[in-house]
Each structure stands twice: as C-alpha cells, then as structure tokens.
Amino acid sequence: MSNEPPITIDELMQSSGVKFGTSGARGLAEAMTDRVCYAYTAAFVQYLKTQGQAAEDSALALAGDLRPSTPRILAACARAAADQGLRPIFCGQIPTPALALFGIEEGIPSLMITGSHIPDDRNGIKFYKPAGEILKPDEQAIRTQRVQLPADRFDAAGRLTAPPVAPLHDDTAFVLYLARFGAYFSSNLLRGRRIALYGHSSVARETLAALLAELGAEVLPLGYSERFIPVDTEAIRPEDVELARQWARDPGFDAIVSTDGDGDRPLIGDAAGHWLRGDIVGVLCARELGARTLATPVSSNTVAERCGWFERVIRTRIGSPYVIAAMQEALAQGAEGVAGYEANGGFLTASVLAGRCDTLSPLPTRDAVLPILAVLSAAFGRDRTIAELVAELPARYTYSDRLKGFPAEISGPRIAELEADPAAVDRLFEARFGPVAALDATDGLRITFKSGEIAHIRPSGNAPELRCYNEAETPERAQQMNAICLQTLGLWRTRGEL
C-alpha cells in the first residue's frame, strides 16, 4: 500500500476549507470529500491512541443525520476507522445526544455525521471521546496530528475507491436513549394532551414521536419532509414562525415541539404557535430539573440571573465545549446540581439530577429531548399552559438574526476595532440606543446600554455569517433593535465603514 506525503489537519483545513468550528468540523459537502473525512477520522483515532482511549480492535460508534451527503461521509469515516484497526459500529439515524449517551455508557469513542441546523449543501463531523465530546484542547491536539493517507484509497477527486466497510449495526443507542426519559418522567405526564410534532427533516422526529406517545400524549405529526430543511432554533426562519401559527388555528394543540437537524437543539411553542427562545427554554428546564449551578454562554438572556432561581450562573464563550469546561470546573469546586444550556436551547447535565420517578445520569452534551420534556412537565405537570409558565419569568426578551455571506475575515477585524476603541462603539450605537454602560469581549462584543438594553455581535463559528443578539424589555423592542443593528452592520460589508 503506497502512501501520500504526511499532512496535518491544520494543513488540511487550509487546503480544503473544512474547518473546526464551535462544535466539530464543518464545511461545504463538496469540500468534505472522502479523502478529507478519512483524514479527520484518522487524526481523531490517532489522538485517542496517544491518550490511551483507543486501541487495536476498539469499537467506534457512528451515526448520522438525514442530509443527502451523510451516507457517503459515514462510509469514508468507517473506512478510516477500520484502517486504523478499530471496529466501526453503525447506530443508525439517531439524535446526536443518543449517540453520545451510548458512547459514554459503553466507554467507546463515537462520530456523528451532521451539519446540525445549517443548509444541506454543508455537513460536518462531531467527535466524541469515551467520556464525551471533545473540548478545545482536544481539538488543538487533533489539528496537529500528522496523518499519512494511503494513496490507493482515493481517486484524483478524493473519492474513496477502497471496498466499503460493513459496520456492525446496533440499535442499542436508540433503545438506551428512550429508556433514559421513560424512567425519569411520569408515564401519564402528557395524558389528555395533544402535542404537535413538527418533524421536518429532524433525525429526532421518530424518537420524539415514540417518547411523547409513551408519556400519554396524542401526537399530531406535522411538516414531515423528505427534503432536508435547515431549521435553526436560535434564528428561527420566518417560514417556521408562520407555519406554527397556521397549525395552531386548525386543528389546535396544547404545545408544538421540534428540534434542529441532529436533535441537539429544541424548539418549543405554546398553544398559539408562538415559539419560545432557546435561552428561555434553558431556564425553565433548569428549574424543573432542580439545577442549582448553571453555565451558559454570554449570549443567553439575562433572565437566568434576574429570576433568582439559581445559586450561581456562570457565563462562558459561545459553544458547548466552553459550557462543558465551565461545568467541569464547577464540579471540581464542589458545586452540586450542575447543568448548562446554550442560547439555542441545547441542554447539558453534569450532575445526577433527581426526578419524580427516577434519577437522571449526567449527559454533558447538548440535548433537545430533555428540555422539551422538562418544559412540558413544568407546565402540564402543574396543570398550566406553556404561555402561563413563560409569564412567570422577568420581562426580558431576546431576538437574534444574522447577516449571511459575511465571512469572519471581514467581521472579525471590525469587531476587534470596536473592542479596542470604545469611542467607535459610541459613534456606531449611541445615537440609536443611547449611552453605553459596559462592554464585554468574552465572545465577540456584547454592549450593555444604560437603558439595560443589550446588543451582542460575533462571527459565527460554523458558517460565513455575522450573528447579532439583542435583549430588551419587550419582544417588539428586541426585534426592532436587531433590525437596526443588522442594517448598521451591513455597511461593513457594502462600504467597509464603521
């Protein structure tokens, strides 16, 4: 077997455009050739071996979402794992947290092939060690791995020419994931409730349908699609806003639920079809689970502090690796009831949490099903509506959107200029929102005005987009601020101005 010259993942990132973001490696599906995906997998396995977390004949669990490019990428990753001496196990088209739970329970590494919420012309790979998802130090170590690719495995276009691997198929991950929630929540929790399930192209739609029915709900499946739909729970598409409101009129339901493409970010709506923000879902879920210490990114709504329900709220950079690192540090300091969530609603647990029926073991990776069931439990378990539950929170509302086609090469330096020059921040925003009270550069630039309103701008870690988050005392004002911010920031792209 002849070999290509060795290459590091850092070098491959530059040549292919497939790069690590806030959660795994992502890129255009056409750029994620078999050769590129093989190299990423080989580097991951090599790193695991250096850490004593994989050896010859170790198992590696694989799963994927419903994108058209996912089966091909799965095959390339399975071939790389087998060539590294591992035994690939295919766990099916299941949610990312289901795969992660299986890997943790079995003590084996795993790979999830998914682009999450981004369009289907892109895809990605999420990497999990036996103890859970890789963190930033792991990512840095993988990037420095030097891999030697067998030249006879690929054609000139980077397509795999070697015989495909036939991984062992195992549905244990799906069964284990269902059992996790069936034991924690009361079996009659949703009896008499009608729950709409917006299935679109979410890999979690069958899982949710089974769980909701198991807990007694009448499940109303809506919007199932054979074509991939990029549902983003942090920047909800206008089409999804309108769909939920239409469905609420006829035939009606008590709540509507959904997830993003790989089932690690929830979407929950009330009986009127109004979608809840993910950071509001996170707070409601944390309270229902009895969490005492919360880790959440700086972009999340300040209702977490204002509600007074938690002993401590830790603010982090954006991305699950930073939330996980903060949870681990809190545990090391002796904290109990440790959990975390992101502004997209993905919920993570680091402590054993006690429920009405059973305890819930830690799952330190984003999960969409847990917050969905917890919020339904918080409302219907006390005979309240979703809207009444939300009304108990302090009046703080967030709205976010993004400027597409806005690469970090442009937005990053511009944000850095603002961070270095507070006067420039005043020039850009004071006439629009009033005097600036504080700046926070934890991740991007978060600007708190003396009015208490907030504007937070940062480059996306997953796509060429500039994201903007706004917080105010009414939803209308938050949305208005967001529109003003995006219009203002759009000048960076069109005229290069501050």
Protein backbone atom coordinates (compact mmCIF):
# COMPACT_ATOMS: atom_id res chain seq x y z
CA MET A 1 0.00 0.00 0.00
CA SER A 2 1.61 3.29 -1.13
CA ASN A 3 1.14 6.43 0.92
CA GLU A 4 0.69 10.12 0.23
CA PRO A 5 3.07 12.58 1.92
CA PRO A 6 2.01 13.10 5.56
CA ILE A 7 -0.33 16.03 6.22
CA THR A 8 -1.56 17.70 9.40
CA ILE A 9 -5.20 18.56 9.96
CA ASP A 10 -4.17 22.22 10.23
CA GLU A 11 -2.77 22.00 6.71
CA LEU A 12 -5.86 20.14 5.52
CA MET A 13 -8.11 22.83 7.00
CA GLN A 14 -6.36 25.47 4.90
CA SER A 15 -6.36 23.47 1.66
CA SER A 16 -9.91 22.07 1.91
CA GLY A 17 -11.86 24.81 3.68
CA VAL A 18 -13.27 22.17 6.06
CA LYS A 19 -12.55 23.59 9.50
CA PHE A 20 -13.26 23.12 13.17
CA GLY A 21 -16.00 25.45 14.43
CA THR A 22 -17.78 25.74 17.76
CA SER A 23 -18.85 22.10 17.54
CA GLY A 24 -16.78 19.74 15.40
CA ALA A 25 -15.56 20.09 11.82
CA ARG A 26 -17.79 21.59 9.15
CA GLY A 27 -17.64 22.64 5.54
CA LEU A 28 -19.31 22.51 2.17
CA ALA A 29 -20.43 18.97 1.37
CA GLU A 30 -18.44 19.01 -1.88
CA ALA A 31 -15.33 20.09 0.08
CA MET A 32 -15.87 17.26 2.57
CA THR A 33 -14.50 14.70 0.15
CA ASP A 34 -13.98 11.11 1.21
CA ARG A 35 -10.26 11.88 1.48
CA VAL A 36 -10.85 14.87 3.80
CA CYS A 37 -13.28 12.98 6.05
CA TYR A 38 -10.97 9.95 6.13
CA ALA A 39 -8.10 12.21 7.25
CA TYR A 40 -10.14 13.84 10.03
CA THR A 41 -11.20 10.43 11.32
CA ALA A 42 -7.68 9.02 11.16
CA ALA A 43 -6.34 12.03 13.08
CA PHE A 44 -9.05 11.65 15.72
CA VAL A 45 -8.25 7.95 16.21
CA GLN A 46 -4.50 8.64 16.32
CA TYR A 47 -5.10 11.22 19.04
CA LEU A 48 -7.27 8.80 21.03
CA LYS A 49 -4.48 6.21 20.86
CA THR A 50 -1.94 8.69 22.23
CA GLN A 51 -4.30 9.30 25.16
CA GLY A 52 -4.91 5.61 25.83
CA GLN A 53 -8.57 5.97 24.85
CA ALA A 54 -8.50 3.63 21.87
CA ALA A 55 -6.51 0.54 20.93
CA GLU A 56 -6.45 -2.13 18.27
CA ASP A 57 -9.93 -3.69 17.89
CA SER A 58 -11.59 -0.95 19.98
CA ALA A 59 -15.15 -0.12 18.93
CA LEU A 60 -16.10 3.22 17.37
CA ALA A 61 -19.79 4.17 17.24
CA LEU A 62 -21.13 6.01 14.17
CA ALA A 63 -24.45 7.72 13.44
CA GLY A 64 -25.73 10.37 11.07
CA ASP A 65 -28.50 12.81 10.23
CA LEU A 66 -30.82 12.86 7.19
CA ARG A 67 -28.73 15.01 4.83
CA PRO A 68 -28.10 13.53 1.36
CA SER A 69 -24.30 13.69 1.83
CA THR A 70 -24.31 11.91 5.21
CA PRO A 71 -24.21 8.24 4.00
CA ARG A 72 -21.15 8.92 1.85
CA ILE A 73 -19.29 10.65 4.69
CA LEU A 74 -20.24 7.84 7.07
CA ALA A 75 -18.68 5.32 4.68
CA ALA A 76 -15.43 7.30 4.49
CA CYS A 77 -15.22 7.60 8.27
CA ALA A 78 -15.95 3.91 8.75
CA ARG A 79 -13.19 3.01 6.26
CA ALA A 80 -10.70 5.24 8.10
CA ALA A 81 -11.61 3.74 11.48
CA ALA A 82 -11.21 0.21 10.14
CA ASP A 83 -7.85 1.06 8.57
CA GLN A 84 -6.76 2.35 12.00
CA GLY A 85 -7.64 -1.03 13.50
CA LEU A 86 -10.96 -0.07 15.11
CA ARG A 87 -14.34 -1.80 14.78
CA PRO A 88 -16.98 0.62 13.43
CA ILE A 89 -20.50 0.19 14.84
CA PHE A 90 -23.36 1.90 12.99
CA CYS A 91 -26.05 3.08 15.41
CA GLY A 92 -28.46 4.36 12.77
CA GLN A 93 -30.01 7.73 12.01
CA ILE A 94 -30.48 8.88 15.58
CA PRO A 95 -30.09 12.14 17.54
CA THR A 96 -26.57 13.26 18.40
CA PRO A 97 -27.18 13.03 22.19
CA ALA A 98 -28.38 9.43 21.77
CA LEU A 99 -25.07 8.52 20.14
CA ALA A 100 -23.13 10.42 22.83
CA LEU A 101 -25.02 8.65 25.62
CA PHE A 102 -24.28 5.26 24.06
CA GLY A 103 -20.58 6.08 23.75
CA ILE A 104 -20.37 7.22 27.36
CA GLU A 105 -22.25 4.19 28.67
CA GLU A 106 -20.12 1.78 26.61
CA GLY A 107 -16.86 3.67 27.21
CA ILE A 108 -16.12 3.97 23.48
CA PRO A 109 -15.48 6.91 21.14
CA SER A 110 -18.06 7.98 18.58
CA LEU A 111 -18.59 10.15 15.50
CA MET A 112 -21.81 11.92 14.48
CA ILE A 113 -22.09 12.94 10.85
CA THR A 114 -24.21 16.07 10.82
CA GLY A 115 -24.28 19.71 9.84
CA SER A 116 -26.85 20.35 12.57
CA HIS A 117 -29.01 23.32 11.54
CA ILE A 118 -27.06 24.64 8.54
CA PRO A 119 -28.21 24.11 4.91
CA ASP A 120 -27.73 20.73 3.27
CA ASP A 121 -25.05 21.95 0.90
CA ARG A 122 -22.87 21.68 4.03
CA ASN A 123 -22.16 18.91 6.51
CA GLY A 124 -19.92 18.15 9.45
CA ILE A 125 -18.41 15.64 11.87
CA LYS A 126 -18.83 15.80 15.65
CA PHE A 127 -16.19 13.96 17.67
CA TYR A 128 -16.79 12.20 20.99
CA LYS A 129 -14.22 10.62 23.29
CA PRO A 130 -15.36 7.78 25.57
CA ALA A 131 -16.14 10.37 28.27
CA GLY A 132 -17.99 12.78 25.97
CA GLU A 133 -17.46 15.39 23.29
CA ILE A 134 -14.03 16.77 22.55
CA LEU A 135 -13.11 20.08 24.16
CA LYS A 136 -10.89 22.83 22.77
CA PRO A 137 -7.58 21.30 24.00
CA ASP A 138 -8.57 18.04 22.28
CA GLU A 139 -9.36 19.93 19.09
CA GLN A 140 -5.97 21.63 19.14
CA ALA A 141 -4.24 18.26 19.58
CA ILE A 142 -6.20 16.72 16.69
CA ARG A 143 -5.24 19.62 14.44
CA THR A 144 -1.56 18.90 14.99
CA GLN A 145 -1.86 15.19 14.21
CA ARG A 146 0.15 14.21 11.15
CA VAL A 147 -1.71 11.60 9.12
CA GLN A 148 -0.36 9.53 6.25
CA LEU A 149 -3.12 8.74 3.78
CA PRO A 150 -2.91 5.59 1.64
CA ALA A 151 -2.80 6.78 -1.96
CA ASP A 152 -4.63 3.72 -3.27
CA ARG A 153 -7.71 4.54 -1.20
CA PHE A 154 -8.81 7.53 -3.34
CA ASP A 155 -9.13 8.69 -6.93
CA ALA A 156 -7.94 12.07 -8.22
CA ALA A 157 -11.15 13.74 -7.00
CA GLY A 158 -10.71 12.39 -3.47
CA ARG A 159 -13.43 9.75 -3.80
CA LEU A 160 -12.99 6.50 -1.89
CA THR A 161 -12.03 3.62 -4.17
CA ALA A 162 -11.37 1.03 -1.44
CA PRO A 163 -14.08 -1.54 -0.71
CA PRO A 164 -16.68 -0.18 1.74
CA VAL A 165 -16.63 -1.38 5.33
CA ALA A 166 -19.73 -3.19 6.55
CA PRO A 167 -20.10 -1.90 10.13
CA LEU A 168 -21.98 -3.90 12.72
CA HIS A 169 -25.49 -2.45 13.06
CA ASP A 170 -26.64 -1.90 16.64
CA ASP A 171 -29.86 -0.19 17.82
CA THR A 172 -28.82 -0.15 21.48
CA ALA A 173 -28.17 3.60 21.39
CA PHE A 174 -31.76 4.33 20.34
CA VAL A 175 -33.22 1.98 22.97
CA LEU A 176 -30.96 3.36 25.70
CA TYR A 177 -31.94 6.95 24.87
CA LEU A 178 -35.66 6.20 25.00
CA ALA A 179 -35.28 4.38 28.32
CA ARG A 180 -33.44 7.37 29.82
CA PHE A 181 -36.52 9.57 29.61
CA GLY A 182 -39.15 6.91 30.11
CA ALA A 183 -37.69 6.23 33.56
CA TYR A 184 -37.30 9.89 34.57
CA PHE A 185 -40.71 11.31 33.65
CA SER A 186 -44.10 10.08 34.83
CA SER A 187 -45.76 7.70 32.37
CA ASN A 188 -49.03 9.70 32.47
CA LEU A 189 -47.38 13.13 32.27
CA LEU A 190 -48.98 14.02 28.93
CA ARG A 191 -52.22 12.07 29.23
CA GLY A 192 -55.05 14.04 27.64
CA ARG A 193 -52.63 16.44 25.93
CA ARG A 194 -52.35 16.98 22.21
CA ILE A 195 -48.76 17.66 21.19
CA ALA A 196 -47.91 18.72 17.65
CA LEU A 197 -44.60 17.40 16.36
CA TYR A 198 -43.01 19.48 13.60
CA GLY A 199 -40.88 16.71 12.17
CA HIS A 200 -39.43 18.39 9.02
CA SER A 201 -36.11 16.57 8.38
CA SER A 202 -35.04 16.19 12.00
CA VAL A 203 -33.31 12.92 12.80
CA ALA A 204 -35.05 13.11 16.20
CA ARG A 205 -38.61 13.03 14.86
CA GLU A 206 -39.16 9.30 15.36
CA THR A 207 -37.57 9.44 18.82
CA LEU A 208 -39.82 12.30 19.90
CA ALA A 209 -42.93 10.67 18.47
CA ALA A 210 -42.22 7.49 20.44
CA LEU A 211 -41.47 9.31 23.70
CA LEU A 212 -44.46 11.67 23.54
CA ALA A 213 -46.79 8.73 22.91
CA GLU A 214 -45.15 6.72 25.72
CA LEU A 215 -45.88 9.61 28.13
CA GLY A 216 -49.55 9.57 27.16
CA ALA A 217 -49.80 12.31 24.54
CA GLU A 218 -51.85 12.32 21.38
CA VAL A 219 -49.13 13.09 18.85
CA LEU A 220 -50.01 15.21 15.81
CA PRO A 221 -47.24 14.84 13.20
CA LEU A 222 -46.81 17.93 11.04
CA GLY A 223 -44.47 19.15 8.33
CA TYR A 224 -42.52 15.91 7.74
CA SER A 225 -40.19 16.35 4.78
CA GLU A 226 -38.06 14.05 2.62
CA ARG A 227 -36.02 17.10 1.60
CA PHE A 228 -33.62 18.49 4.21
CA ILE A 229 -34.85 21.70 5.88
CA PRO A 230 -32.30 23.79 7.82
CA VAL A 231 -34.26 24.60 10.99
CA ASP A 232 -32.19 26.89 13.23
CA THR A 233 -33.61 27.11 16.76
CA GLU A 234 -31.53 30.21 17.51
CA ALA A 235 -32.54 32.22 14.43
CA ILE A 236 -35.99 30.81 13.64
CA ARG A 237 -36.95 31.12 9.99
CA PRO A 238 -39.98 33.31 9.16
CA GLU A 239 -41.48 30.28 7.39
CA ASP A 240 -41.40 28.29 10.63
CA VAL A 241 -42.94 31.17 12.59
CA GLU A 242 -45.84 31.34 10.14
CA LEU A 243 -46.25 27.55 9.92
CA ALA A 244 -46.65 27.20 13.69
CA ARG A 245 -49.25 29.93 13.85
CA GLN A 246 -51.24 28.39 10.99
CA TRP A 247 -51.14 24.93 12.56
CA ALA A 248 -52.31 26.36 15.90
CA ARG A 249 -55.54 27.62 14.35
CA ASP A 250 -56.66 24.28 12.99
CA PRO A 251 -56.77 21.62 14.40
CA GLY A 252 -55.17 23.03 17.56
CA PHE A 253 -52.81 21.59 20.15
CA ASP A 254 -51.53 22.16 23.68
CA ALA A 255 -47.92 22.61 22.52
CA ILE A 256 -45.79 22.19 19.43
CA VAL A 257 -42.27 20.75 19.56
CA SER A 258 -39.38 20.19 17.19
CA THR A 259 -35.59 20.09 17.02
CA ASP A 260 -32.84 21.07 14.63
CA GLY A 261 -31.44 18.57 12.12
CA ASP A 262 -29.46 16.38 14.51
CA GLY A 263 -31.70 16.61 17.55
CA ASP A 264 -29.50 18.51 19.99
CA ARG A 265 -31.34 21.87 19.90
CA PRO A 266 -35.02 22.09 20.90
CA LEU A 267 -37.88 24.14 19.52
CA ILE A 268 -40.98 24.52 21.71
CA GLY A 269 -44.13 26.51 21.01
CA ASP A 270 -47.25 27.31 23.03
CA ALA A 271 -50.88 26.62 22.12
CA ALA A 272 -50.94 29.73 19.91
CA GLY A 273 -47.91 28.56 17.95
CA HIS A 274 -45.52 31.11 19.44
CA TRP A 275 -42.00 29.66 19.55
CA LEU A 276 -40.04 30.07 22.79
CA ARG A 277 -36.48 31.35 22.67
CA GLY A 278 -33.89 28.67 23.42
CA ASP A 279 -32.42 30.53 26.38
CA ILE A 280 -35.89 30.81 27.94
CA VAL A 281 -36.33 27.06 27.42
CA GLY A 282 -32.97 26.55 29.15
CA VAL A 283 -34.02 28.47 32.26
CA LEU A 284 -37.38 26.69 32.51
CA CYS A 285 -35.73 23.30 32.01
CA ALA A 286 -33.06 24.01 34.64
CA ARG A 287 -35.68 24.97 37.21
CA GLU A 288 -37.77 21.87 36.52
CA LEU A 289 -34.72 19.62 36.90
CA GLY A 290 -33.67 21.26 40.16
CA ALA A 291 -30.36 22.64 38.89
CA ARG A 292 -28.51 24.92 41.29
CA THR A 293 -25.45 25.97 39.29
CA LEU A 294 -25.83 26.96 35.64
CA ALA A 295 -23.25 27.50 32.91
CA THR A 296 -24.44 29.36 29.83
CA PRO A 297 -22.82 31.49 27.12
CA VAL A 298 -22.65 35.23 27.33
CA SER A 299 -25.22 35.45 24.51
CA SER A 300 -28.02 33.96 26.63
CA ASN A 301 -30.81 36.09 28.08
CA THR A 302 -30.08 37.71 31.47
CA VAL A 303 -33.34 36.26 32.81
CA ALA A 304 -31.10 33.47 34.19
CA GLU A 305 -29.73 35.91 36.78
CA ARG A 306 -32.86 38.03 37.16
CA CYS A 307 -35.22 35.16 38.02
CA GLY A 308 -33.31 34.35 41.24
CA TRP A 309 -33.88 30.60 40.90
CA PHE A 310 -30.22 29.53 40.86
CA GLU A 311 -27.34 29.81 43.31
CA ARG A 312 -24.83 30.67 40.60
CA VAL A 313 -24.86 31.49 36.87
CA ILE A 314 -21.52 31.16 35.07
CA ARG A 315 -21.10 32.99 31.75
CA THR A 316 -18.89 31.43 29.06
CA ARG A 317 -17.83 31.86 25.47
CA ILE A 318 -20.25 30.54 22.88
CA GLY A 319 -20.04 26.83 22.12
CA SER A 320 -20.74 23.63 24.02
CA PRO A 321 -17.02 22.95 24.72
CA TYR A 322 -16.86 26.14 26.81
CA VAL A 323 -20.08 25.32 28.66
CA ILE A 324 -18.78 21.81 29.41
CA ALA A 325 -15.45 23.17 30.64
CA ALA A 326 -17.28 25.57 32.97
CA MET A 327 -19.47 22.75 34.30
CA GLN A 328 -16.40 20.60 34.94
CA GLU A 329 -14.73 23.44 36.83
CA ALA A 330 -17.87 23.98 38.94
CA LEU A 331 -17.94 20.27 39.81
CA ALA A 332 -14.26 20.39 40.77
CA GLN A 333 -15.08 23.25 43.13
CA GLY A 334 -17.74 21.14 44.87
CA ALA A 335 -20.86 22.54 43.23
CA GLU A 336 -24.00 20.38 43.13
CA GLY A 337 -26.88 20.33 40.70
CA VAL A 338 -24.66 21.48 37.84
CA ALA A 339 -26.19 21.93 34.40
CA GLY A 340 -25.82 24.17 31.39
CA TYR A 341 -27.59 25.36 28.27
CA GLU A 342 -26.92 27.40 25.17
CA ALA A 343 -28.94 30.20 23.59
CA ASN A 344 -30.16 27.64 21.03
CA GLY A 345 -31.82 25.69 23.87
CA GLY A 346 -29.48 22.70 23.83
CA PHE A 347 -29.29 21.46 27.44
CA LEU A 348 -26.35 19.74 29.15
CA THR A 349 -26.15 18.00 32.53
CA ALA A 350 -23.05 17.43 34.65
CA SER A 351 -24.61 16.20 37.92
CA VAL A 352 -27.00 13.39 38.76
CA LEU A 353 -30.44 15.03 38.96
CA ALA A 354 -33.37 13.64 40.93
CA GLY A 355 -36.75 13.43 39.22
CA ARG A 356 -40.24 12.45 40.27
CA CYS A 357 -39.74 8.86 39.12
CA ASP A 358 -36.00 8.25 38.89
CA THR A 359 -32.63 9.94 38.71
CA LEU A 360 -31.05 11.27 35.54
CA SER A 361 -27.40 10.47 34.89
CA PRO A 362 -25.15 13.23 33.54
CA LEU A 363 -25.02 13.77 29.79
CA PRO A 364 -22.55 16.61 29.16
CA THR A 365 -23.51 17.32 25.56
CA ARG A 366 -26.34 19.31 24.01
CA ASP A 367 -29.70 17.57 24.16
CA ALA A 368 -33.03 18.67 22.67
CA VAL A 369 -35.35 15.98 24.03
CA LEU A 370 -34.62 16.64 27.72
CA PRO A 371 -35.59 20.35 27.63
CA ILE A 372 -38.69 19.58 25.57
CA LEU A 373 -39.96 17.03 28.08
CA ALA A 374 -38.88 19.14 31.08
CA VAL A 375 -40.79 22.21 29.88
CA LEU A 376 -43.88 20.12 29.12
CA SER A 377 -43.54 18.62 32.60
CA ALA A 378 -43.15 22.05 34.22
CA ALA A 379 -46.37 23.23 32.60
CA PHE A 380 -48.69 20.24 32.29
CA GLY A 381 -47.46 18.55 35.46
CA ARG A 382 -48.90 21.56 37.31
CA ASP A 383 -51.94 21.98 35.04
CA ARG A 384 -50.67 25.18 33.47
CA THR A 385 -50.20 26.25 29.88
CA ILE A 386 -46.85 26.92 28.26
CA ALA A 387 -47.79 30.61 27.99
CA GLU A 388 -48.58 30.79 31.72
CA LEU A 389 -45.23 29.18 32.51
CA VAL A 390 -43.33 31.75 30.45
CA ALA A 391 -45.32 34.61 32.01
CA GLU A 392 -43.72 33.82 35.39
CA LEU A 393 -40.32 34.94 34.11
CA PRO A 394 -38.95 38.50 34.35
CA ALA A 395 -39.78 40.64 31.32
CA ARG A 396 -36.59 40.20 29.33
CA TYR A 397 -36.80 39.29 25.67
CA THR A 398 -34.14 38.39 23.14
CA TYR A 399 -34.13 38.36 19.38
CA SER A 400 -31.34 37.21 17.10
CA ASP A 401 -30.63 37.04 13.41
CA ARG A 402 -27.62 37.00 11.13
CA LEU A 403 -26.12 38.55 8.03
CA LYS A 404 -25.36 35.71 5.63
CA GLY A 405 -22.38 35.69 3.29
CA PHE A 406 -20.37 37.65 5.85
CA PRO A 407 -17.04 35.85 6.38
CA ALA A 408 -15.15 36.09 9.65
CA GLU A 409 -12.21 37.56 7.69
CA ILE A 410 -14.29 40.74 7.43
CA SER A 411 -16.35 40.74 10.62
CA GLY A 412 -13.57 39.61 12.97
CA PRO A 413 -11.22 42.57 12.39
CA ARG A 414 -14.14 45.00 12.51
CA ILE A 415 -15.28 43.71 15.89
CA ALA A 416 -11.68 43.84 17.12
CA GLU A 417 -11.55 47.52 16.12
CA LEU A 418 -14.63 48.23 18.21
CA GLU A 419 -13.23 46.34 21.20
CA ALA A 420 -10.08 48.44 21.04
CA ASP A 421 -11.89 51.76 20.61
CA PRO A 422 -14.90 52.40 22.91
CA ALA A 423 -15.38 55.76 21.20
CA ALA A 424 -16.10 53.88 17.96
CA VAL A 425 -18.81 51.93 19.78
CA ASP A 426 -20.38 55.21 20.87
CA ARG A 427 -20.25 56.55 17.31
CA LEU A 428 -21.87 53.44 15.94
CA PHE A 429 -24.60 52.84 18.52
CA GLU A 430 -25.21 55.77 20.90
CA ALA A 431 -27.48 57.71 18.54
CA ARG A 432 -29.52 54.56 18.02
CA PHE A 433 -29.71 53.09 21.54
CA GLY A 434 -28.37 55.67 23.97
CA PRO A 435 -25.20 55.81 26.12
CA VAL A 436 -23.11 52.68 26.57
CA ALA A 437 -22.81 51.33 30.13
CA ALA A 438 -20.48 48.34 29.67
CA LEU A 439 -18.60 46.26 27.10
CA ASP A 440 -17.97 42.51 27.36
CA ALA A 441 -15.48 40.89 24.97
CA THR A 442 -15.90 37.32 26.28
CA ASP A 443 -17.04 36.26 22.80
CA GLY A 444 -17.43 38.87 20.10
CA LEU A 445 -18.63 42.16 21.59
CA ARG A 446 -21.60 42.41 23.98
CA ILE A 447 -22.72 46.00 24.57
CA THR A 448 -24.94 46.88 27.52
CA PHE A 449 -26.58 50.28 27.29
CA LYS A 450 -27.57 52.43 30.28
CA SER A 451 -31.20 51.66 29.45
CA GLY A 452 -30.47 47.98 30.23
CA GLU A 453 -30.86 47.01 26.58
CA ILE A 454 -28.17 44.80 25.03
CA ALA A 455 -26.60 44.35 21.60
CA HIS A 456 -24.19 41.45 21.06
CA ILE A 457 -22.33 40.86 17.79
CA ARG A 458 -19.99 38.00 16.86
CA PRO A 459 -18.88 35.99 13.83
CA SER A 460 -20.50 32.56 13.53
CA GLY A 461 -18.15 29.68 14.28
CA ASN A 462 -19.93 27.39 11.81
CA ALA A 463 -20.72 29.45 8.71
CA PRO A 464 -19.76 32.71 6.95
CA GLU A 465 -22.29 34.73 8.94
CA LEU A 466 -22.29 37.65 11.35
CA ARG A 467 -24.69 36.98 14.22
CA CYS A 468 -26.42 39.65 16.24
CA TYR A 469 -28.32 39.13 19.52
CA ASN A 470 -30.46 41.82 21.14
CA GLU A 471 -32.19 41.94 24.52
CA ALA A 472 -34.87 44.38 25.71
CA GLU A 473 -37.96 44.56 27.93
CA THR A 474 -40.43 43.78 25.13
CA PRO A 475 -40.20 41.34 22.21
CA GLU A 476 -41.08 44.14 19.79
CA ARG A 477 -38.20 46.32 21.02
CA ALA A 478 -35.72 43.42 20.86
CA GLN A 479 -36.72 42.71 17.26
CA GLN A 480 -36.57 46.41 16.37
CA MET A 481 -33.07 46.68 17.85
CA ASN A 482 -31.97 43.63 15.91
CA ALA A 483 -33.17 45.10 12.60
CA ILE A 484 -31.36 48.37 13.32
CA CYS A 485 -28.16 46.54 14.28
CA LEU A 486 -28.15 44.36 11.17
CA GLN A 487 -28.81 47.33 8.92
CA THR A 488 -25.96 49.23 10.57
CA LEU A 489 -23.53 46.31 10.50
CA GLY A 490 -24.38 45.63 6.87
CA LEU A 491 -22.40 48.75 5.99
CA TRP A 492 -19.22 46.85 6.94
CA ARG A 493 -19.84 44.51 4.07
CA THR A 494 -21.06 47.01 1.48
CA ARG A 495 -18.88 50.04 2.19
CA GLY A 496 -16.34 48.78 4.75
CA GLU A 497 -17.40 51.51 7.17
CA LEU A 498 -17.82 51.63 10.93
